[in-house]
């Protein structure tokens, strides 16, 4: 396993539809979206948000459970954005 894949680590997607976007790793085994680890560029940042209880292995089994998990994740990230914490995560990258 690659050393930089840790929970709450911020990485940047390098290829695919969401290339150039910042991503938070919730769990190493279960993602809302599965991505090849070779398409990730690690950063030194971490995001202190608890997504472990929202994203469980059984929440990704059916489509309706996955949709509710994504909505709950979105709600928690929006709360973080509205409070003004970790504003660097919600800004675009300056390339």
PDB file of N, CA and C in Angstrom:
ATOM      1  N   UNK A   1       0.850  -1.182   0.000  1.00  0.00           N
ATOM      2  CA  UNK A   1       0.000   0.000   0.000  1.00  0.00           C
ATOM      3  C   UNK A   1       0.888   1.235   0.000  1.00  0.00           C
ATOM      4  N   UNK A   2       0.426   2.255  -0.645  1.00  0.00           N
ATOM      5  CA  UNK A   2       1.167   3.500  -0.770  1.00  0.00           C
ATOM      6  C   UNK A   2       1.089   4.270   0.541  1.00  0.00           C
ATOM      7  N   UNK A   3       2.188   4.914   0.938  1.00  0.00           N
ATOM      8  CA  UNK A   3       2.271   5.552   2.248  1.00  0.00           C
ATOM      9  C   UNK A   3       1.422   6.812   2.381  1.00  0.00           C
ATOM     10  N   UNK A   4       1.154   7.519   1.300  1.00  0.00           N
ATOM     11  CA  UNK A   4       0.432   8.774   1.435  1.00  0.00           C
ATOM     12  C   UNK A   4      -1.075   8.600   1.507  1.00  0.00           C
ATOM     13  N   UNK A   5      -1.575   7.402   1.305  1.00  0.00           N
ATOM     14  CA  UNK A   5      -3.014   7.165   1.386  1.00  0.00           C
ATOM     15  C   UNK A   5      -3.419   6.983   2.838  1.00  0.00           C
ATOM     16  N   UNK A   6      -3.821   8.066   3.470  1.00  0.00           N
ATOM     17  CA  UNK A   6      -4.269   8.039   4.858  1.00  0.00           C
ATOM     18  C   UNK A   6      -5.600   8.770   4.936  1.00  0.00           C
ATOM     19  N   UNK A   7      -6.442   8.408   5.882  1.00  0.00           N
ATOM     20  CA  UNK A   7      -7.726   9.105   6.023  1.00  0.00           C
ATOM     21  C   UNK A   7      -7.533  10.595   6.273  1.00  0.00           C
ATOM     22  N   UNK A   8      -8.440  11.402   5.733  1.00  0.00           N
ATOM     23  CA  UNK A   8      -8.476  12.864   5.843  1.00  0.00           C
ATOM     24  C   UNK A   8      -7.330  13.557   5.116  1.00  0.00           C
ATOM     25  N   UNK A   9      -6.602  12.860   4.268  1.00  0.00           N
ATOM     26  CA  UNK A   9      -5.513  13.445   3.490  1.00  0.00           C
ATOM     27  C   UNK A   9      -6.093  14.093   2.233  1.00  0.00           C
ATOM     28  N   UNK A  10      -5.610  15.257   1.884  1.00  0.00           N
ATOM     29  CA  UNK A  10      -6.053  15.955   0.684  1.00  0.00           C
ATOM     30  C   UNK A  10      -5.111  15.599  -0.453  1.00  0.00           C
ATOM     31  N   UNK A  11      -5.677  15.159  -1.577  1.00  0.00           N
ATOM     32  CA  UNK A  11      -4.897  14.828  -2.765  1.00  0.00           C
ATOM     33  C   UNK A  11      -5.530  15.526  -3.960  1.00  0.00           C
ATOM     34  N   UNK A  12      -4.801  15.568  -5.063  1.00  0.00           N
ATOM     35  CA  UNK A  12      -5.291  16.183  -6.294  1.00  0.00           C
ATOM     36  C   UNK A  12      -5.403  15.094  -7.350  1.00  0.00           C
ATOM     37  N   UNK A  13      -6.548  15.047  -8.024  1.00  0.00           N
ATOM     38  CA  UNK A  13      -6.736  14.083  -9.103  1.00  0.00           C
ATOM     39  C   UNK A  13      -5.978  14.556 -10.336  1.00  0.00           C
ATOM     40  N   UNK A  14      -5.286  13.634 -11.000  1.00  0.00           N
ATOM     41  CA  UNK A  14      -4.469  13.999 -12.149  1.00  0.00           C
ATOM     42  C   UNK A  14      -5.104  13.653 -13.485  1.00  0.00           C
ATOM     43  N   UNK A  15      -5.959  12.639 -13.528  1.00  0.00           N
ATOM     44  CA  UNK A  15      -6.573  12.221 -14.783  1.00  0.00           C
ATOM     45  C   UNK A  15      -8.052  11.977 -14.586  1.00  0.00           C
ATOM     46  N   UNK A  16      -8.763  11.947 -15.691  1.00  0.00           N
ATOM     47  CA  UNK A  16     -10.181  11.648 -15.638  1.00  0.00           C
ATOM     48  C   UNK A  16     -11.037  12.892 -15.711  1.00  0.00           C
ATOM     49  N   UNK A  17     -12.313  12.694 -15.482  1.00  0.00           N
ATOM     50  CA  UNK A  17     -13.287  13.774 -15.588  1.00  0.00           C
ATOM     51  C   UNK A  17     -13.036  14.874 -14.567  1.00  0.00           C
ATOM     52  N   UNK A  18     -12.566  14.509 -13.390  1.00  0.00           N
ATOM     53  CA  UNK A  18     -12.362  15.464 -12.309  1.00  0.00           C
ATOM     54  C   UNK A  18     -10.894  15.841 -12.138  1.00  0.00           C
ATOM     55  N   UNK A  19     -10.136  15.830 -13.196  1.00  0.00           N
ATOM     56  CA  UNK A  19      -8.707  16.148 -13.132  1.00  0.00           C
ATOM     57  C   UNK A  19      -8.509  17.580 -12.647  1.00  0.00           C
ATOM     58  N   UNK A  20      -7.559  17.752 -11.744  1.00  0.00           N
ATOM     59  CA  UNK A  20      -7.266  19.066 -11.201  1.00  0.00           C
ATOM     60  C   UNK A  20      -8.103  19.427  -9.996  1.00  0.00           C
ATOM     61  N   UNK A  21      -8.952  18.546  -9.531  1.00  0.00           N
ATOM     62  CA  UNK A  21      -9.805  18.822  -8.371  1.00  0.00           C
ATOM     63  C   UNK A  21      -9.164  18.287  -7.105  1.00  0.00           C
ATOM     64  N   UNK A  22      -9.445  18.951  -5.993  1.00  0.00           N
ATOM     65  CA  UNK A  22      -8.963  18.488  -4.697  1.00  0.00           C
ATOM     66  C   UNK A  22      -9.932  17.444  -4.158  1.00  0.00           C
ATOM     67  N   UNK A  23      -9.385  16.444  -3.500  1.00  0.00           N
ATOM     68  CA  UNK A  23     -10.170  15.327  -3.019  1.00  0.00           C
ATOM     69  C   UNK A  23      -9.739  14.997  -1.597  1.00  0.00           C
ATOM     70  N   UNK A  24     -10.697  14.594  -0.765  1.00  0.00           N
ATOM     71  CA  UNK A  24     -10.393  14.146   0.588  1.00  0.00           C
ATOM     72  C   UNK A  24     -10.526  12.630   0.620  1.00  0.00           C
ATOM     73  N   UNK A  25      -9.515  11.963   1.131  1.00  0.00           N
ATOM     74  CA  UNK A  25      -9.574  10.511   1.280  1.00  0.00           C
ATOM     75  C   UNK A  25     -10.303  10.224   2.585  1.00  0.00           C
ATOM     76  N   UNK A  26     -11.463   9.535   2.489  1.00  0.00           N
ATOM     77  CA  UNK A  26     -12.193   9.200   3.716  1.00  0.00           C
ATOM     78  C   UNK A  26     -11.701   7.902   4.292  1.00  0.00           C
ATOM     79  N   UNK A  27     -11.602   6.859   3.478  1.00  0.00           N
ATOM     80  CA  UNK A  27     -11.054   5.577   3.884  1.00  0.00           C
ATOM     81  C   UNK A  27     -10.208   5.057   2.735  1.00  0.00           C
ATOM     82  N   UNK A  28      -9.255   4.254   3.058  1.00  0.00           N
ATOM     83  CA  UNK A  28      -8.389   3.718   2.015  1.00  0.00           C
ATOM     84  C   UNK A  28      -9.131   2.648   1.224  1.00  0.00           C
ATOM     85  N   UNK A  29     -10.023   1.921   1.853  1.00  0.00           N
ATOM     86  CA  UNK A  29     -10.711   0.834   1.168  1.00  0.00           C
ATOM     87  C   UNK A  29     -12.015   1.263   0.514  1.00  0.00           C
ATOM     88  N   UNK A  30     -12.755   2.155   1.112  1.00  0.00           N
ATOM     89  CA  UNK A  30     -14.074   2.511   0.595  1.00  0.00           C
ATOM     90  C   UNK A  30     -14.118   3.995   0.252  1.00  0.00           C
ATOM     91  N   UNK A  31     -14.304   4.294  -1.012  1.00  0.00           N
ATOM     92  CA  UNK A  31     -14.417   5.665  -1.478  1.00  0.00           C
ATOM     93  C   UNK A  31     -15.823   5.882  -2.016  1.00  0.00           C
ATOM     94  N   UNK A  32     -16.249   7.113  -2.055  1.00  0.00           N
ATOM     95  CA  UNK A  32     -17.487   7.426  -2.754  1.00  0.00           C
ATOM     96  C   UNK A  32     -17.258   7.215  -4.239  1.00  0.00           C
ATOM     97  N   UNK A  33     -16.074   7.530  -4.689  1.00  0.00           N
ATOM     98  CA  UNK A  33     -15.676   7.266  -6.067  1.00  0.00           C
ATOM     99  C   UNK A  33     -14.344   6.549  -6.025  1.00  0.00           C
ATOM    100  N   UNK A  34     -14.273   5.402  -6.677  1.00  0.00           N
ATOM    101  CA  UNK A  34     -13.032   4.649  -6.709  1.00  0.00           C
ATOM    102  C   UNK A  34     -12.087   5.251  -7.741  1.00  0.00           C
ATOM    103  N   UNK A  35     -10.856   5.487  -7.334  1.00  0.00           N
ATOM    104  CA  UNK A  35      -9.864   6.109  -8.192  1.00  0.00           C
ATOM    105  C   UNK A  35      -8.573   5.320  -8.063  1.00  0.00           C
ATOM    106  N   UNK A  36      -7.889   5.124  -9.168  1.00  0.00           N
ATOM    107  CA  UNK A  36      -6.588   4.478  -9.159  1.00  0.00           C
ATOM    108  C   UNK A  36      -5.607   5.368  -8.403  1.00  0.00           C
ATOM    109  N   UNK A  37      -4.841   4.782  -7.486  1.00  0.00           N
ATOM    110  CA  UNK A  37      -3.943   5.603  -6.675  1.00  0.00           C
ATOM    111  C   UNK A  37      -2.811   6.208  -7.496  1.00  0.00           C
ATOM    112  N   UNK A  38      -2.552   5.706  -8.701  1.00  0.00           N
ATOM    113  CA  UNK A  38      -1.521   6.303  -9.549  1.00  0.00           C
ATOM    114  C   UNK A  38      -1.994   7.616 -10.162  1.00  0.00           C
ATOM    115  N   UNK A  39      -3.284   7.908 -10.071  1.00  0.00           N
ATOM    116  CA  UNK A  39      -3.823   9.146 -10.609  1.00  0.00           C
ATOM    117  C   UNK A  39      -4.013  10.206  -9.523  1.00  0.00           C
ATOM    118  N   UNK A  40      -3.365  10.013  -8.385  1.00  0.00           N
ATOM    119  CA  UNK A  40      -3.464  10.955  -7.280  1.00  0.00           C
ATOM    120  C   UNK A  40      -2.113  11.597  -7.018  1.00  0.00           C
ATOM    121  N   UNK A  41      -2.133  12.901  -6.752  1.00  0.00           N
ATOM    122  CA  UNK A  41      -0.919  13.600  -6.354  1.00  0.00           C
ATOM    123  C   UNK A  41      -1.098  14.049  -4.905  1.00  0.00           C
ATOM    124  N   UNK A  42      -0.259  13.591  -4.002  1.00  0.00           N
ATOM    125  CA  UNK A  42      -0.446  13.933  -2.590  1.00  0.00           C
ATOM    126  C   UNK A  42      -0.073  15.381  -2.307  1.00  0.00           C
ATOM    127  N   UNK A  43      -0.705  15.938  -1.298  1.00  0.00           N
ATOM    128  CA  UNK A  43      -0.353  17.261  -0.790  1.00  0.00           C
ATOM    129  C   UNK A  43       0.039  17.110   0.672  1.00  0.00           C
ATOM    130  N   UNK A  44       0.498  18.169   1.265  1.00  0.00           N
ATOM    131  CA  UNK A  44       0.886  18.101   2.674  1.00  0.00           C
ATOM    132  C   UNK A  44      -0.284  18.398   3.600  1.00  0.00           C
ATOM    133  N   UNK A  45      -1.442  18.696   3.047  1.00  0.00           N
ATOM    134  CA  UNK A  45      -2.582  19.118   3.845  1.00  0.00           C
ATOM    135  C   UNK A  45      -3.473  17.957   4.256  1.00  0.00           C
ATOM    136  N   UNK A  46      -4.123  18.143   5.392  1.00  0.00           N
ATOM    137  CA  UNK A  46      -5.168  17.222   5.831  1.00  0.00           C
ATOM    138  C   UNK A  46      -6.401  18.050   6.171  1.00  0.00           C
ATOM    139  N   UNK A  47      -7.544  17.433   6.068  1.00  0.00           N
ATOM    140  CA  UNK A  47      -8.808  18.100   6.361  1.00  0.00           C
ATOM    141  C   UNK A  47      -9.426  17.382   7.543  1.00  0.00           C
ATOM    142  N   UNK A  48      -9.547  18.061   8.653  1.00  0.00           N
ATOM    143  CA  UNK A  48     -10.050  17.440   9.877  1.00  0.00           C
ATOM    144  C   UNK A  48     -11.572  17.425   9.876  1.00  0.00           C
ATOM    145  N   UNK A  49     -12.115  16.495   9.128  1.00  0.00           N
ATOM    146  CA  UNK A  49     -13.556  16.315   9.068  1.00  0.00           C
ATOM    147  C   UNK A  49     -13.817  14.817   9.170  1.00  0.00           C
ATOM    148  N   UNK A  50     -14.798  14.441   9.966  1.00  0.00           N
ATOM    149  CA  UNK A  50     -15.035  13.025  10.219  1.00  0.00           C
ATOM    150  C   UNK A  50     -16.084  12.497   9.252  1.00  0.00           C
ATOM    151  N   UNK A  51     -15.635  11.700   8.283  1.00  0.00           N
ATOM    152  CA  UNK A  51     -16.529  11.096   7.297  1.00  0.00           C
ATOM    153  C   UNK A  51     -16.663   9.590   7.480  1.00  0.00           C
ATOM    154  N   UNK A  52     -16.023   9.040   8.524  1.00  0.00           N
ATOM    155  CA  UNK A  52     -16.021   7.591   8.682  1.00  0.00           C
ATOM    156  C   UNK A  52     -17.399   7.023   8.999  1.00  0.00           C
ATOM    157  N   UNK A  53     -18.191   7.757   9.776  1.00  0.00           N
ATOM    158  CA  UNK A  53     -19.513   7.223  10.091  1.00  0.00           C
ATOM    159  C   UNK A  53     -20.496   7.390   8.939  1.00  0.00           C
ATOM    160  N   UNK A  54     -20.227   8.310   8.036  1.00  0.00           N
ATOM    161  CA  UNK A  54     -21.098   8.501   6.878  1.00  0.00           C
ATOM    162  C   UNK A  54     -20.787   7.472   5.798  1.00  0.00           C
ATOM    163  N   UNK A  55     -19.518   7.299   5.497  1.00  0.00           N
ATOM    164  CA  UNK A  55     -19.088   6.401   4.427  1.00  0.00           C
ATOM    165  C   UNK A  55     -18.639   5.073   5.009  1.00  0.00           C
ATOM    166  N   UNK A  56     -19.538   4.122   5.012  1.00  0.00           N
ATOM    167  CA  UNK A  56     -19.212   2.778   5.466  1.00  0.00           C
ATOM    168  C   UNK A  56     -19.228   1.846   4.267  1.00  0.00           C
ATOM    169  N   UNK A  57     -18.771   0.634   4.473  1.00  0.00           N
ATOM    170  CA  UNK A  57     -18.709  -0.327   3.369  1.00  0.00           C
ATOM    171  C   UNK A  57     -20.103  -0.683   2.860  1.00  0.00           C
ATOM    172  N   UNK A  58     -21.084  -0.781   3.759  1.00  0.00           N
ATOM    173  CA  UNK A  58     -22.438  -1.128   3.311  1.00  0.00           C
ATOM    174  C   UNK A  58     -23.182   0.052   2.702  1.00  0.00           C
ATOM    175  N   UNK A  59     -22.709   1.280   2.944  1.00  0.00           N
ATOM    176  CA  UNK A  59     -23.368   2.436   2.328  1.00  0.00           C
ATOM    177  C   UNK A  59     -23.068   2.534   0.838  1.00  0.00           C
ATOM    178  N   UNK A  60     -22.056   1.811   0.366  1.00  0.00           N
ATOM    179  CA  UNK A  60     -21.716   1.841  -1.053  1.00  0.00           C
ATOM    180  C   UNK A  60     -22.263   0.638  -1.815  1.00  0.00           C
ATOM    181  N   UNK A  61     -23.054  -0.200  -1.152  1.00  0.00           N
ATOM    182  CA  UNK A  61     -23.565  -1.409  -1.799  1.00  0.00           C
ATOM    183  C   UNK A  61     -24.728  -1.113  -2.739  1.00  0.00           C
ATOM    184  N   UNK A  62     -25.660  -0.267  -2.325  1.00  0.00           N
ATOM    185  CA  UNK A  62     -26.811   0.033  -3.177  1.00  0.00           C
ATOM    186  C   UNK A  62     -26.782   1.497  -3.582  1.00  0.00           C
ATOM    187  N   UNK A  63     -27.488   1.804  -4.661  1.00  0.00           N
ATOM    188  CA  UNK A  63     -27.461   3.156  -5.221  1.00  0.00           C
ATOM    189  C   UNK A  63     -28.109   4.174  -4.293  1.00  0.00           C
ATOM    190  N   UNK A  64     -29.244   3.824  -3.670  1.00  0.00           N
ATOM    191  CA  UNK A  64     -29.915   4.799  -2.816  1.00  0.00           C
ATOM    192  C   UNK A  64     -29.128   5.087  -1.540  1.00  0.00           C
ATOM    193  N   UNK A  65     -28.432   4.092  -0.997  1.00  0.00           N
ATOM    194  CA  UNK A  65     -27.578   4.336   0.160  1.00  0.00           C
ATOM    195  C   UNK A  65     -26.385   5.207  -0.216  1.00  0.00           C
ATOM    196  N   UNK A  66     -25.859   5.008  -1.415  1.00  0.00           N
ATOM    197  CA  UNK A  66     -24.728   5.810  -1.874  1.00  0.00           C
ATOM    198  C   UNK A  66     -25.146   7.262  -2.082  1.00  0.00           C
ATOM    199  N   UNK A  67     -26.352   7.478  -2.593  1.00  0.00           N
ATOM    200  CA  UNK A  67     -26.850   8.838  -2.807  1.00  0.00           C
ATOM    201  C   UNK A  67     -27.018   9.555  -1.474  1.00  0.00           C
ATOM    202  N   UNK A  68     -27.585   8.877  -0.471  1.00  0.00           N
ATOM    203  CA  UNK A  68     -27.738   9.507   0.838  1.00  0.00           C
ATOM    204  C   UNK A  68     -26.389   9.780   1.496  1.00  0.00           C
ATOM    205  N   UNK A  69     -25.420   8.895   1.306  1.00  0.00           N
ATOM    206  CA  UNK A  69     -24.080   9.118   1.850  1.00  0.00           C
ATOM    207  C   UNK A  69     -23.417  10.321   1.181  1.00  0.00           C
ATOM    208  N   UNK A  70     -23.607  10.459  -0.117  1.00  0.00           N
ATOM    209  CA  UNK A  70     -23.033  11.611  -0.833  1.00  0.00           C
ATOM    210  C   UNK A  70     -23.680  12.912  -0.380  1.00  0.00           C
ATOM    211  N   UNK A  71     -24.978  12.891  -0.130  1.00  0.00           N
ATOM    212  CA  UNK A  71     -25.670  14.098   0.342  1.00  0.00           C
ATOM    213  C   UNK A  71     -25.203  14.494   1.729  1.00  0.00           C
ATOM    214  N   UNK A  72     -25.016  13.520   2.597  1.00  0.00           N
ATOM    215  CA  UNK A  72     -24.528  13.809   3.942  1.00  0.00           C
ATOM    216  C   UNK A  72     -23.099  14.344   3.906  1.00  0.00           C
ATOM    217  N   UNK A  73     -22.267  13.790   3.036  1.00  0.00           N
ATOM    218  CA  UNK A  73     -20.901  14.282   2.879  1.00  0.00           C
ATOM    219  C   UNK A  73     -20.905  15.713   2.364  1.00  0.00           C
ATOM    220  N   UNK A  74     -21.758  15.987   1.392  1.00  0.00           N
ATOM    221  CA  UNK A  74     -21.865  17.338   0.845  1.00  0.00           C
ATOM    222  C   UNK A  74     -22.309  18.322   1.918  1.00  0.00           C
ATOM    223  N   UNK A  75     -23.250  17.907   2.767  1.00  0.00           N
ATOM    224  CA  UNK A  75     -23.740  18.779   3.830  1.00  0.00           C
ATOM    225  C   UNK A  75     -22.628  19.114   4.819  1.00  0.00           C
ATOM    226  N   UNK A  76     -21.815  18.112   5.179  1.00  0.00           N
ATOM    227  CA  UNK A  76     -20.722  18.358   6.121  1.00  0.00           C
ATOM    228  C   UNK A  76     -19.649  19.257   5.519  1.00  0.00           C
ATOM    229  N   UNK A  77     -19.350  19.088   4.222  1.00  0.00           N
ATOM    230  CA  UNK A  77     -18.367  19.963   3.579  1.00  0.00           C
ATOM    231  C   UNK A  77     -18.900  21.384   3.441  1.00  0.00           C
ATOM    232  N   UNK A  78     -20.203  21.542   3.171  1.00  0.00           N
ATOM    233  CA  UNK A  78     -20.785  22.884   3.088  1.00  0.00           C
ATOM    234  C   UNK A  78     -20.777  23.578   4.438  1.00  0.00           C
ATOM    235  N   UNK A  79     -20.991  22.829   5.521  1.00  0.00           N
ATOM    236  CA  UNK A  79     -20.906  23.417   6.852  1.00  0.00           C
ATOM    237  C   UNK A  79     -19.500  23.929   7.121  1.00  0.00           C
ATOM    238  N   UNK A  80     -18.504  23.160   6.699  1.00  0.00           N
ATOM    239  CA  UNK A  80     -17.108  23.574   6.874  1.00  0.00           C
ATOM    240  C   UNK A  80     -16.816  24.830   6.052  1.00  0.00           C
ATOM    241  N   UNK A  81     -17.384  24.911   4.847  1.00  0.00           N
ATOM    242  CA  UNK A  81     -17.182  26.075   3.980  1.00  0.00           C
ATOM    243  C   UNK A  81     -17.835  27.319   4.584  1.00  0.00           C
ATOM    244  N   UNK A  82     -19.038  27.171   5.126  1.00  0.00           N
ATOM    245  CA  UNK A  82     -19.763  28.324   5.679  1.00  0.00           C
ATOM    246  C   UNK A  82     -19.106  28.869   6.940  1.00  0.00           C
ATOM    247  N   UNK A  83     -18.448  28.014   7.704  1.00  0.00           N
ATOM    248  CA  UNK A  83     -17.765  28.497   8.903  1.00  0.00           C
ATOM    249  C   UNK A  83     -16.460  29.207   8.572  1.00  0.00           C
ATOM    250  N   UNK A  84     -15.923  28.996   7.373  1.00  0.00           N
ATOM    251  CA  UNK A  84     -14.698  29.681   6.957  1.00  0.00           C
ATOM    252  C   UNK A  84     -13.428  28.927   7.296  1.00  0.00           C
ATOM    253  N   UNK A  85     -13.549  27.710   7.815  1.00  0.00           N
ATOM    254  CA  UNK A  85     -12.369  26.912   8.125  1.00  0.00           C
ATOM    255  C   UNK A  85     -11.888  26.226   6.849  1.00  0.00           C
ATOM    256  N   UNK A  86     -10.587  26.070   6.742  1.00  0.00           N
ATOM    257  CA  UNK A  86      -9.972  25.408   5.586  1.00  0.00           C
ATOM    258  C   UNK A  86     -10.411  26.039   4.271  1.00  0.00           C
ATOM    259  N   UNK A  87     -10.329  27.353   4.170  1.00  0.00           N
ATOM    260  CA  UNK A  87     -10.773  28.034   2.956  1.00  0.00           C
ATOM    261  C   UNK A  87      -9.891  27.684   1.757  1.00  0.00           C
ATOM    262  N   UNK A  88      -8.665  27.227   1.976  1.00  0.00           N
ATOM    263  CA  UNK A  88      -7.787  26.828   0.887  1.00  0.00           C
ATOM    264  C   UNK A  88      -8.335  25.622   0.149  1.00  0.00           C
ATOM    265  N   UNK A  89      -9.093  24.779   0.832  1.00  0.00           N
ATOM    266  CA  UNK A  89      -9.635  23.583   0.192  1.00  0.00           C
ATOM    267  C   UNK A  89     -10.730  23.929  -0.799  1.00  0.00           C
ATOM    268  N   UNK A  90     -11.443  24.994  -0.591  1.00  0.00           N
ATOM    269  CA  UNK A  90     -12.592  25.345  -1.418  1.00  0.00           C
ATOM    270  C   UNK A  90     -12.268  26.353  -2.502  1.00  0.00           C
ATOM    271  N   UNK A  91     -11.009  26.734  -2.636  1.00  0.00           N
ATOM    272  CA  UNK A  91     -10.624  27.655  -3.701  1.00  0.00           C
ATOM    273  C   UNK A  91     -10.023  26.863  -4.858  1.00  0.00           C
ATOM    274  N   UNK A  92     -10.064  27.461  -6.043  1.00  0.00           N
ATOM    275  CA  UNK A  92      -9.511  26.789  -7.223  1.00  0.00           C
ATOM    276  C   UNK A  92      -7.993  26.833  -7.177  1.00  0.00           C
ATOM    277  N   UNK A  93      -7.395  25.846  -7.822  1.00  0.00           N
ATOM    278  CA  UNK A  93      -5.942  25.813  -7.910  1.00  0.00           C
ATOM    279  C   UNK A  93      -5.468  26.854  -8.905  1.00  0.00           C
ATOM    280  N   UNK A  94      -4.374  27.506  -8.622  1.00  0.00           N
ATOM    281  CA  UNK A  94      -3.839  28.537  -9.505  1.00  0.00           C
ATOM    282  C   UNK A  94      -2.696  28.010 -10.341  1.00  0.00           C
ATOM    283  N   UNK A  95      -3.031  27.447 -11.484  1.00  0.00           N
ATOM    284  CA  UNK A  95      -1.991  26.927 -12.361  1.00  0.00           C
ATOM    285  C   UNK A  95      -1.642  27.943 -13.400  1.00  0.00           C
TER     286      UNK A  95
END
